Amino acid sequence: MTTRSCPCGLPEAYEKCCGRFHSGTSLAPTAEALMRSRYSAFVKRDAGYLLRTWHPRTRPARLDLDPGMRWTGLEVLETTDGSAFHATGTVTFRASYRGGTLQERSRFERLDGAWVYVDGSLLA
């Protein structure tokens, strides 16, 4: 049996990579790990995880994911702060989907010790 690598682009199997964050058995240790796990949640259409990891002050009441959207790859371009020693961080990434790409600089904060997504700016 072959184990597929995680949708986030890292070589580990989904269960050992982002799957453990989605299931709630672990918290993402860095802003980049949270961003990667959120990308994987978009791939898996896990709206519950996306909402749980969104800062309450910016989180929408609900999230409707397009069942026709096919995410095809993630490239992390830059990270600023966002480690165990920081309270905030940013991650700039390019996400590919069938038909195009999206480039964003996402902002993250620690909330009660856990990294959460605050908001993002789309980049040209």
Protein backbone atom coordinates (compact mmCIF):
# COMPACT_ATOMS: atom_id res chain seq x y z
CA MET A 1 0.00 0.00 0.00
CA THR A 2 1.38 3.41 -0.91
CA THR A 3 0.92 6.33 1.44
CA ARG A 4 0.14 9.63 -0.21
CA SER A 5 2.03 12.71 0.86
CA CYS A 6 0.14 15.50 2.57
CA PRO A 7 -1.73 18.00 0.36
CA CYS A 8 0.29 20.81 2.00
CA GLY A 9 3.33 19.79 -0.05
CA LEU A 10 5.44 18.24 2.69
CA PRO A 11 6.55 14.65 2.08
CA GLU A 12 4.93 13.13 5.19
CA ALA A 13 1.68 11.20 5.01
CA TYR A 14 -1.45 13.28 5.63
CA GLU A 15 -2.19 11.50 8.93
CA LYS A 16 1.25 12.37 10.35
CA CYS A 17 1.29 15.86 8.89
CA CYS A 18 -1.84 18.04 8.68
CA GLY A 19 -4.25 15.23 9.56
CA ARG A 20 -3.20 15.32 13.22
CA PHE A 21 -4.10 19.02 13.37
CA HIS A 22 -7.43 18.45 11.60
CA SER A 23 -8.34 15.67 14.04
CA GLY A 24 -7.45 17.84 17.04
CA THR A 25 -4.78 15.49 18.42
CA SER A 26 -2.11 18.18 17.95
CA LEU A 27 -1.90 21.94 17.55
CA ALA A 28 0.13 23.52 14.76
CA PRO A 29 3.43 24.59 16.37
CA THR A 30 4.12 27.50 13.98
CA ALA A 31 2.21 29.95 11.83
CA GLU A 32 3.54 28.18 8.72
CA ALA A 33 2.34 24.80 9.98
CA LEU A 34 -1.10 26.30 10.62
CA MET A 35 -1.17 27.87 7.15
CA ARG A 36 -0.20 24.54 5.56
CA SER A 37 -2.88 22.74 7.58
CA ARG A 38 -5.47 25.29 6.53
CA TYR A 39 -4.52 24.79 2.87
CA SER A 40 -4.94 21.02 3.40
CA ALA A 41 -8.33 21.72 5.02
CA PHE A 42 -9.39 23.59 1.87
CA VAL A 43 -8.26 20.59 -0.20
CA LYS A 44 -10.22 18.22 2.10
CA ARG A 45 -13.17 20.66 2.37
CA ASP A 46 -12.93 20.67 6.18
CA ALA A 47 -14.85 23.88 6.93
CA GLY A 48 -15.02 23.01 10.64
CA TYR A 49 -11.24 23.08 10.98
CA LEU A 50 -10.97 26.31 9.00
CA LEU A 51 -13.49 28.00 11.29
CA ARG A 52 -11.87 26.61 14.48
CA THR A 53 -8.48 28.00 13.43
CA TRP A 54 -9.81 31.44 12.45
CA HIS A 55 -9.44 34.29 14.98
CA PRO A 56 -12.86 35.02 16.56
CA ARG A 57 -12.62 38.74 15.75
CA THR A 58 -12.34 38.09 11.99
CA ARG A 59 -14.03 34.67 11.63
CA PRO A 60 -17.13 34.53 9.42
CA ALA A 61 -20.30 33.02 10.85
CA ARG A 62 -20.13 30.24 8.26
CA LEU A 63 -17.96 29.06 5.42
CA ASP A 64 -19.31 27.58 2.20
CA LEU A 65 -16.60 25.73 0.28
CA ASP A 66 -17.00 25.30 -3.46
CA PRO A 67 -17.24 21.54 -4.16
CA GLY A 68 -15.97 22.16 -7.69
CA MET A 69 -12.73 23.81 -6.56
CA ARG A 70 -9.67 21.60 -7.12
CA TRP A 71 -6.55 22.77 -5.29
CA THR A 72 -3.42 21.40 -6.95
CA GLY A 73 -0.40 22.67 -5.02
CA LEU A 74 1.08 24.95 -2.38
CA GLU A 75 4.32 26.91 -2.41
CA VAL A 76 5.43 28.83 0.69
CA LEU A 77 7.27 31.93 -0.51
CA GLU A 78 8.19 33.66 2.76
CA THR A 79 7.59 33.46 6.49
CA THR A 80 8.14 36.23 9.02
CA ASP A 81 8.16 35.35 12.72
CA GLY A 82 5.46 32.83 13.64
CA SER A 83 7.64 30.44 15.66
CA ALA A 84 7.25 29.23 19.24
CA PHE A 85 9.00 32.44 20.33
CA HIS A 86 6.56 34.84 18.62
CA ALA A 87 3.03 36.11 19.24
CA THR A 88 2.40 36.99 15.58
CA GLY A 89 3.62 35.90 12.18
CA THR A 90 3.00 36.17 8.47
CA VAL A 91 3.21 33.58 5.72
CA THR A 92 3.26 34.48 2.04
CA PHE A 93 2.23 31.63 -0.23
CA ARG A 94 1.06 30.70 -3.70
CA ALA A 95 -1.75 28.17 -3.94
CA SER A 96 -2.51 26.62 -7.31
CA TYR A 97 -5.90 25.40 -8.39
CA ARG A 98 -7.23 24.02 -11.60
CA GLY A 99 -7.33 27.11 -13.80
CA GLY A 100 -5.11 29.51 -11.86
CA THR A 101 -3.22 30.56 -8.77
CA LEU A 102 -3.88 32.60 -5.66
CA GLN A 103 -1.08 34.46 -3.89
CA GLU A 104 -1.65 35.76 -0.37
CA ARG A 105 0.18 37.13 2.64
CA SER A 106 -1.65 35.71 5.66
CA ARG A 107 -1.43 37.11 9.18
CA PHE A 108 -1.50 34.85 12.23
CA GLU A 109 -1.65 35.43 15.99
CA ARG A 110 -1.44 33.26 19.05
CA LEU A 111 -4.70 32.97 20.95
CA ASP A 112 -4.60 31.10 24.25
CA GLY A 113 -1.33 29.51 23.12
CA ALA A 114 -2.62 28.29 19.75
CA TRP A 115 -1.91 29.80 16.34
CA VAL A 116 -4.97 31.19 14.54
CA TYR A 117 -5.50 32.82 11.15
CA VAL A 118 -6.39 36.52 11.38
CA ASP A 119 -6.67 37.70 7.78
CA GLY A 120 -4.84 37.88 4.48
CA SER A 121 -3.98 40.24 1.66
CA LEU A 122 -4.18 39.02 -1.91
CA LEU A 123 -1.03 39.80 -3.88
CA ALA A 124 -0.76 40.39 -7.63
